[in-house]
N, C-alpha and C. Protein backbone atom coordinates (compact mmCIF):
# COMPACT_ATOMS: atom_id res chain seq x y z
N UNK A 1 -19.81 -31.05 39.57
CA UNK A 1 -18.55 -30.91 38.89
C UNK A 1 -17.59 -30.17 39.82
N UNK A 2 -16.39 -30.69 39.94
CA UNK A 2 -15.35 -30.09 40.78
C UNK A 2 -14.12 -29.77 39.94
N UNK A 3 -13.34 -28.77 40.39
CA UNK A 3 -12.01 -28.63 39.82
C UNK A 3 -11.18 -29.77 40.40
N UNK A 4 -10.11 -30.13 39.75
CA UNK A 4 -9.30 -31.23 40.25
C UNK A 4 -8.56 -30.81 41.51
N UNK A 5 -8.12 -31.79 42.26
CA UNK A 5 -7.34 -31.53 43.46
C UNK A 5 -6.04 -30.81 43.10
N UNK A 6 -5.46 -31.17 41.97
CA UNK A 6 -4.23 -30.53 41.51
C UNK A 6 -4.45 -29.02 41.30
N UNK A 7 -5.56 -28.66 40.72
CA UNK A 7 -5.86 -27.24 40.51
C UNK A 7 -6.11 -26.54 41.84
N UNK A 8 -6.83 -27.19 42.73
CA UNK A 8 -7.06 -26.62 44.06
C UNK A 8 -5.72 -26.35 44.75
N UNK A 9 -4.81 -27.30 44.68
CA UNK A 9 -3.50 -27.13 45.29
C UNK A 9 -2.70 -26.02 44.60
N UNK A 10 -2.80 -25.92 43.28
CA UNK A 10 -2.09 -24.88 42.55
C UNK A 10 -2.57 -23.50 42.99
N UNK A 11 -3.86 -23.35 43.19
CA UNK A 11 -4.41 -22.07 43.66
C UNK A 11 -3.87 -21.76 45.05
N UNK A 12 -3.82 -22.76 45.92
CA UNK A 12 -3.24 -22.57 47.26
C UNK A 12 -1.79 -22.11 47.18
N UNK A 13 -1.02 -22.76 46.30
CA UNK A 13 0.41 -22.46 46.17
C UNK A 13 0.61 -21.04 45.66
N UNK A 14 -0.11 -20.65 44.63
CA UNK A 14 0.03 -19.29 44.09
C UNK A 14 -0.36 -18.27 45.14
N UNK A 15 -1.45 -18.51 45.82
CA UNK A 15 -1.90 -17.59 46.87
C UNK A 15 -0.84 -17.46 47.97
N UNK A 16 -0.27 -18.58 48.37
CA UNK A 16 0.78 -18.56 49.40
C UNK A 16 1.99 -17.75 48.93
N UNK A 17 2.45 -17.99 47.71
CA UNK A 17 3.62 -17.27 47.21
C UNK A 17 3.37 -15.77 47.13
N UNK A 18 2.17 -15.38 46.76
CA UNK A 18 1.84 -13.95 46.70
C UNK A 18 1.88 -13.36 48.10
N UNK A 19 1.25 -14.02 49.06
CA UNK A 19 1.22 -13.45 50.41
C UNK A 19 2.60 -13.47 51.07
N UNK A 20 3.41 -14.44 50.72
CA UNK A 20 4.76 -14.52 51.29
C UNK A 20 5.63 -13.37 50.74
N UNK A 21 5.47 -13.07 49.46
CA UNK A 21 6.16 -11.92 48.88
C UNK A 21 7.65 -12.06 48.72
N UNK A 22 8.17 -13.27 48.82
CA UNK A 22 9.61 -13.49 48.64
C UNK A 22 9.85 -14.91 48.17
N UNK A 23 11.10 -15.21 47.88
CA UNK A 23 11.48 -16.54 47.43
C UNK A 23 11.34 -17.55 48.58
N UNK A 24 10.71 -18.70 48.26
CA UNK A 24 10.45 -19.72 49.27
C UNK A 24 10.86 -21.07 48.70
N UNK A 25 11.48 -21.89 49.54
CA UNK A 25 11.88 -23.22 49.05
C UNK A 25 10.66 -24.16 49.00
N UNK A 26 10.79 -25.19 48.19
CA UNK A 26 9.68 -26.10 47.94
C UNK A 26 9.19 -26.80 49.22
N UNK A 27 10.10 -27.11 50.11
CA UNK A 27 9.72 -27.78 51.36
C UNK A 27 8.80 -26.89 52.19
N UNK A 28 9.10 -25.61 52.27
CA UNK A 28 8.26 -24.69 53.03
C UNK A 28 6.91 -24.49 52.33
N UNK A 29 6.93 -24.39 51.01
CA UNK A 29 5.67 -24.28 50.26
C UNK A 29 4.79 -25.48 50.56
N UNK A 30 5.39 -26.65 50.51
CA UNK A 30 4.66 -27.89 50.79
C UNK A 30 4.05 -27.87 52.20
N UNK A 31 4.86 -27.49 53.16
CA UNK A 31 4.41 -27.46 54.54
C UNK A 31 3.29 -26.44 54.78
N UNK A 32 3.45 -25.26 54.24
CA UNK A 32 2.49 -24.18 54.49
C UNK A 32 1.18 -24.35 53.72
N UNK A 33 1.20 -25.11 52.63
CA UNK A 33 -0.01 -25.28 51.83
C UNK A 33 -0.67 -26.64 52.02
N UNK A 34 -0.04 -27.49 52.85
CA UNK A 34 -0.55 -28.85 53.09
C UNK A 34 -0.66 -29.66 51.81
N UNK A 35 0.35 -29.52 50.96
CA UNK A 35 0.45 -30.29 49.72
C UNK A 35 1.76 -31.08 49.82
N UNK A 36 1.73 -32.35 49.50
CA UNK A 36 2.96 -33.14 49.60
C UNK A 36 4.06 -32.49 48.76
N UNK A 37 5.29 -32.71 49.16
CA UNK A 37 6.42 -32.13 48.44
C UNK A 37 6.44 -32.59 46.99
N UNK A 38 6.25 -33.86 46.78
CA UNK A 38 6.28 -34.40 45.42
C UNK A 38 5.21 -33.74 44.53
N UNK A 39 4.00 -33.62 45.07
CA UNK A 39 2.92 -33.00 44.29
C UNK A 39 3.17 -31.50 44.11
N UNK A 40 3.70 -30.86 45.14
CA UNK A 40 4.04 -29.43 45.04
C UNK A 40 5.02 -29.18 43.90
N UNK A 41 6.05 -30.02 43.81
CA UNK A 41 7.05 -29.86 42.76
C UNK A 41 6.45 -30.04 41.38
N UNK A 42 5.55 -31.00 41.25
CA UNK A 42 4.87 -31.23 39.97
C UNK A 42 4.06 -29.99 39.58
N UNK A 43 3.32 -29.45 40.52
CA UNK A 43 2.49 -28.27 40.27
C UNK A 43 3.37 -27.05 39.99
N UNK A 44 4.41 -26.88 40.76
CA UNK A 44 5.30 -25.74 40.57
C UNK A 44 5.92 -25.74 39.18
N UNK A 45 6.27 -26.91 38.65
CA UNK A 45 6.81 -26.99 37.29
C UNK A 45 5.80 -26.43 36.29
N UNK A 46 4.55 -26.79 36.43
CA UNK A 46 3.52 -26.29 35.52
C UNK A 46 3.34 -24.78 35.66
N UNK A 47 3.41 -24.28 36.87
CA UNK A 47 3.25 -22.85 37.11
C UNK A 47 4.44 -22.06 36.57
N UNK A 48 5.63 -22.66 36.61
CA UNK A 48 6.82 -22.02 36.04
C UNK A 48 6.68 -21.94 34.52
N UNK A 49 6.27 -23.03 33.89
CA UNK A 49 6.08 -23.04 32.44
C UNK A 49 5.07 -21.97 32.01
N UNK A 50 4.05 -21.75 32.82
CA UNK A 50 3.02 -20.76 32.52
C UNK A 50 3.44 -19.34 32.91
N UNK A 51 4.66 -19.18 33.42
CA UNK A 51 5.18 -17.88 33.83
C UNK A 51 4.34 -17.23 34.94
N UNK A 52 3.79 -18.06 35.80
CA UNK A 52 3.07 -17.56 36.97
C UNK A 52 4.02 -17.56 38.17
N UNK A 53 4.95 -18.48 38.16
CA UNK A 53 5.93 -18.64 39.22
C UNK A 53 7.32 -18.68 38.58
N UNK A 54 8.31 -18.11 39.27
CA UNK A 54 9.71 -18.20 38.85
C UNK A 54 10.40 -19.21 39.74
N UNK A 55 11.34 -19.94 39.15
CA UNK A 55 12.12 -20.88 39.96
C UNK A 55 13.58 -20.45 39.91
N UNK A 56 14.27 -20.70 41.01
CA UNK A 56 15.68 -20.37 41.15
C UNK A 56 16.40 -21.60 41.67
N UNK A 57 17.53 -21.91 41.05
CA UNK A 57 18.32 -23.07 41.46
C UNK A 57 19.43 -22.63 42.40
N UNK A 58 20.01 -23.59 43.08
CA UNK A 58 21.17 -23.31 43.92
C UNK A 58 20.83 -23.19 45.38
N UNK A 59 21.83 -22.80 46.13
CA UNK A 59 21.72 -22.74 47.59
C UNK A 59 20.63 -21.76 48.05
N UNK A 60 20.47 -20.69 47.32
CA UNK A 60 19.43 -19.71 47.65
C UNK A 60 18.23 -19.85 46.73
N UNK A 61 18.08 -21.04 46.19
CA UNK A 61 17.00 -21.29 45.23
C UNK A 61 15.64 -21.32 45.89
N UNK A 62 14.67 -21.52 45.08
CA UNK A 62 13.30 -21.59 45.56
C UNK A 62 12.35 -21.11 44.48
N UNK A 63 11.20 -20.65 44.93
CA UNK A 63 10.15 -20.22 44.02
C UNK A 63 9.57 -18.91 44.52
N UNK A 64 9.13 -18.10 43.56
CA UNK A 64 8.44 -16.87 43.92
C UNK A 64 7.44 -16.52 42.83
N UNK A 65 6.49 -15.71 43.19
CA UNK A 65 5.47 -15.24 42.25
C UNK A 65 6.17 -14.46 41.14
N UNK A 66 5.84 -14.74 39.89
CA UNK A 66 6.56 -14.17 38.75
C UNK A 66 6.02 -12.86 38.24
N UNK A 67 4.84 -12.50 38.64
CA UNK A 67 4.21 -11.31 38.07
C UNK A 67 4.42 -10.09 38.96
N UNK A 68 4.19 -8.94 38.36
CA UNK A 68 4.35 -7.67 39.09
C UNK A 68 3.32 -7.53 40.20
N UNK A 69 2.06 -7.86 39.89
CA UNK A 69 0.97 -7.68 40.84
C UNK A 69 0.09 -8.92 40.89
N UNK A 70 -0.55 -9.11 42.01
CA UNK A 70 -1.49 -10.24 42.17
C UNK A 70 -2.66 -10.11 41.19
N UNK A 71 -2.96 -8.90 40.77
CA UNK A 71 -4.05 -8.69 39.81
C UNK A 71 -3.69 -9.14 38.40
N UNK A 72 -2.43 -9.51 38.19
CA UNK A 72 -1.97 -9.96 36.87
C UNK A 72 -2.27 -11.44 36.61
N UNK A 73 -2.78 -12.15 37.62
CA UNK A 73 -3.08 -13.58 37.46
C UNK A 73 -4.49 -13.86 37.95
N UNK A 74 -5.23 -14.56 37.11
CA UNK A 74 -6.61 -14.91 37.45
C UNK A 74 -6.72 -16.40 37.78
N UNK A 75 -7.87 -16.77 38.31
CA UNK A 75 -8.14 -18.19 38.53
C UNK A 75 -8.04 -18.95 37.21
N UNK A 76 -8.52 -18.34 36.15
CA UNK A 76 -8.46 -18.99 34.84
C UNK A 76 -7.02 -19.29 34.45
N UNK A 77 -6.11 -18.35 34.69
CA UNK A 77 -4.70 -18.55 34.35
C UNK A 77 -4.13 -19.79 35.04
N UNK A 78 -4.44 -19.95 36.31
CA UNK A 78 -3.93 -21.09 37.07
C UNK A 78 -4.57 -22.39 36.58
N UNK A 79 -5.87 -22.37 36.37
CA UNK A 79 -6.55 -23.56 35.87
C UNK A 79 -5.98 -23.95 34.51
N UNK A 80 -5.78 -22.98 33.65
CA UNK A 80 -5.22 -23.24 32.32
C UNK A 80 -3.82 -23.83 32.43
N UNK A 81 -3.02 -23.33 33.37
CA UNK A 81 -1.65 -23.83 33.55
C UNK A 81 -1.64 -25.28 34.00
N UNK A 82 -2.58 -25.66 34.84
CA UNK A 82 -2.60 -27.00 35.41
C UNK A 82 -3.41 -27.98 34.56
N UNK A 83 -4.56 -27.55 34.11
CA UNK A 83 -5.49 -28.45 33.42
C UNK A 83 -5.41 -28.39 31.90
N UNK A 84 -4.94 -27.27 31.39
CA UNK A 84 -5.03 -27.06 29.94
C UNK A 84 -6.36 -26.40 29.65
N UNK A 85 -6.98 -26.77 28.57
CA UNK A 85 -8.25 -26.15 28.18
C UNK A 85 -9.30 -26.29 29.27
N UNK A 86 -10.02 -25.21 29.46
CA UNK A 86 -11.09 -25.17 30.46
C UNK A 86 -12.42 -25.18 29.71
N UNK A 87 -12.83 -26.36 29.28
CA UNK A 87 -14.03 -26.49 28.46
C UNK A 87 -15.02 -27.42 29.14
N UNK A 88 -16.29 -27.15 28.96
CA UNK A 88 -17.34 -27.95 29.56
C UNK A 88 -17.46 -29.33 28.93
N UNK A 89 -17.15 -29.43 27.64
CA UNK A 89 -17.28 -30.70 26.93
C UNK A 89 -16.07 -30.93 26.03
N UNK A 90 -15.69 -32.19 25.87
CA UNK A 90 -14.58 -32.54 25.00
C UNK A 90 -14.86 -32.16 23.55
N UNK A 91 -16.12 -32.10 23.18
CA UNK A 91 -16.45 -31.78 21.78
C UNK A 91 -16.03 -30.36 21.41
N UNK A 92 -15.74 -29.51 22.41
CA UNK A 92 -15.31 -28.15 22.14
C UNK A 92 -13.80 -28.04 21.94
N UNK A 93 -13.08 -29.08 22.30
CA UNK A 93 -11.63 -29.09 22.19
C UNK A 93 -11.25 -29.28 20.72
N UNK A 94 -10.54 -28.30 20.18
CA UNK A 94 -10.20 -28.35 18.75
C UNK A 94 -9.29 -29.52 18.41
N UNK A 95 -8.52 -30.01 19.39
CA UNK A 95 -7.65 -31.15 19.11
C UNK A 95 -8.44 -32.47 19.06
N UNK A 96 -9.63 -32.47 19.64
CA UNK A 96 -10.48 -33.66 19.61
C UNK A 96 -11.59 -33.47 18.59
N UNK A 97 -12.30 -32.36 18.73
CA UNK A 97 -13.38 -32.03 17.81
C UNK A 97 -14.61 -32.90 18.00
N UNK A 98 -15.57 -32.63 17.20
CA UNK A 98 -16.83 -33.36 17.24
C UNK A 98 -16.67 -34.69 16.51
N UNK A 99 -16.91 -35.76 17.18
CA UNK A 99 -16.80 -37.09 16.57
C UNK A 99 -17.88 -37.33 15.53
N UNK A 100 -18.95 -36.59 15.62
CA UNK A 100 -20.07 -36.76 14.69
C UNK A 100 -19.99 -35.78 13.51
N UNK A 101 -18.98 -34.90 13.54
CA UNK A 101 -18.80 -33.89 12.49
C UNK A 101 -20.03 -32.99 12.36
N UNK A 102 -20.54 -32.57 13.53
CA UNK A 102 -21.75 -31.74 13.57
C UNK A 102 -21.47 -30.38 14.23
N UNK A 103 -20.22 -29.90 14.17
CA UNK A 103 -19.83 -28.68 14.87
C UNK A 103 -20.75 -27.50 14.62
N UNK A 104 -21.17 -27.32 13.40
CA UNK A 104 -21.92 -26.12 13.03
C UNK A 104 -23.42 -26.22 13.25
N UNK A 105 -23.92 -27.42 13.51
CA UNK A 105 -25.37 -27.57 13.65
C UNK A 105 -25.82 -28.14 14.99
N UNK A 106 -24.92 -28.67 15.76
CA UNK A 106 -25.28 -29.33 17.02
C UNK A 106 -25.68 -28.30 18.08
N UNK A 107 -26.91 -28.34 18.52
CA UNK A 107 -27.41 -27.39 19.51
C UNK A 107 -26.80 -27.64 20.89
N UNK A 108 -26.50 -28.89 21.19
CA UNK A 108 -25.87 -29.20 22.48
C UNK A 108 -24.46 -28.59 22.51
N UNK A 109 -23.72 -28.77 21.45
CA UNK A 109 -22.37 -28.20 21.36
C UNK A 109 -22.42 -26.68 21.49
N UNK A 110 -23.37 -26.05 20.83
CA UNK A 110 -23.51 -24.59 20.91
C UNK A 110 -23.82 -24.15 22.34
N UNK A 111 -24.66 -24.91 23.03
CA UNK A 111 -24.98 -24.59 24.43
C UNK A 111 -23.74 -24.73 25.31
N UNK A 112 -23.00 -25.84 25.14
CA UNK A 112 -21.77 -26.04 25.91
C UNK A 112 -20.75 -24.95 25.61
N UNK A 113 -20.66 -24.52 24.37
CA UNK A 113 -19.73 -23.47 23.98
C UNK A 113 -20.08 -22.16 24.68
N UNK A 114 -21.35 -21.81 24.68
CA UNK A 114 -21.80 -20.58 25.33
C UNK A 114 -21.51 -20.61 26.83
N UNK A 115 -21.82 -21.74 27.47
CA UNK A 115 -21.58 -21.87 28.91
C UNK A 115 -20.09 -21.83 29.22
N UNK A 116 -19.29 -22.53 28.42
CA UNK A 116 -17.83 -22.54 28.63
C UNK A 116 -17.25 -21.14 28.52
N UNK A 117 -17.72 -20.37 27.56
CA UNK A 117 -17.23 -19.00 27.40
C UNK A 117 -17.61 -18.14 28.60
N UNK A 118 -18.78 -18.34 29.14
CA UNK A 118 -19.21 -17.57 30.32
C UNK A 118 -18.39 -17.96 31.55
N UNK A 119 -18.15 -19.25 31.72
CA UNK A 119 -17.33 -19.71 32.85
C UNK A 119 -15.92 -19.13 32.73
N UNK A 120 -15.36 -19.19 31.53
CA UNK A 120 -14.02 -18.62 31.30
C UNK A 120 -14.00 -17.15 31.67
N UNK A 121 -14.98 -16.41 31.22
CA UNK A 121 -15.07 -14.97 31.51
C UNK A 121 -15.12 -14.73 33.02
N UNK A 122 -15.93 -15.49 33.72
CA UNK A 122 -16.06 -15.33 35.16
C UNK A 122 -14.75 -15.67 35.87
N UNK A 123 -14.08 -16.73 35.46
CA UNK A 123 -12.80 -17.12 36.07
C UNK A 123 -11.72 -16.08 35.79
N UNK A 124 -11.73 -15.47 34.62
CA UNK A 124 -10.76 -14.44 34.29
C UNK A 124 -10.97 -13.18 35.12
N UNK A 125 -12.18 -12.95 35.56
CA UNK A 125 -12.47 -11.76 36.35
C UNK A 125 -12.03 -11.89 37.81
N UNK A 126 -11.78 -13.10 38.27
CA UNK A 126 -11.34 -13.31 39.65
C UNK A 126 -9.82 -13.38 39.66
N UNK A 127 -9.20 -12.27 40.05
CA UNK A 127 -7.75 -12.22 40.12
C UNK A 127 -7.29 -12.42 41.56
N UNK A 128 -6.03 -12.75 41.72
CA UNK A 128 -5.54 -13.12 43.04
C UNK A 128 -5.50 -11.97 44.02
N UNK A 129 -5.51 -10.73 43.56
CA UNK A 129 -5.58 -9.61 44.50
C UNK A 129 -6.89 -9.64 45.28
N UNK A 130 -7.94 -10.22 44.68
CA UNK A 130 -9.23 -10.32 45.39
C UNK A 130 -9.29 -11.54 46.29
N UNK A 131 -8.30 -12.42 46.19
CA UNK A 131 -8.28 -13.66 47.00
C UNK A 131 -7.33 -13.58 48.18
N UNK A 132 -6.66 -12.46 48.31
CA UNK A 132 -5.66 -12.30 49.40
C UNK A 132 -6.34 -11.68 50.61
């Protein structure tokens, strides 16, 4: 199992913006992170919505890290911003739910739930200050 390429790129972009420490235009972000400009813009929009990145319009526009400290954002935050729910199985997604209507008795679902919670906890513990 892999994280998606989009999530991998989002992590690169956030890490770059933190280390840069100032407003950077999308073209430079694209160049420095080896992510196409088009894909960078798509990812940056998601990061802005999640309040991980700030965007500025105009001649001096660009993007910058939105939080006070790198420790304020975890890997989980970025994955959540790009992917949405970080669950091991679709049956855990409340918008989909269990197709068999066995939420309370299914041992497989309970196992996936336990593992998903542990993965979430581990991802939340890895903040960007430890990745710089």
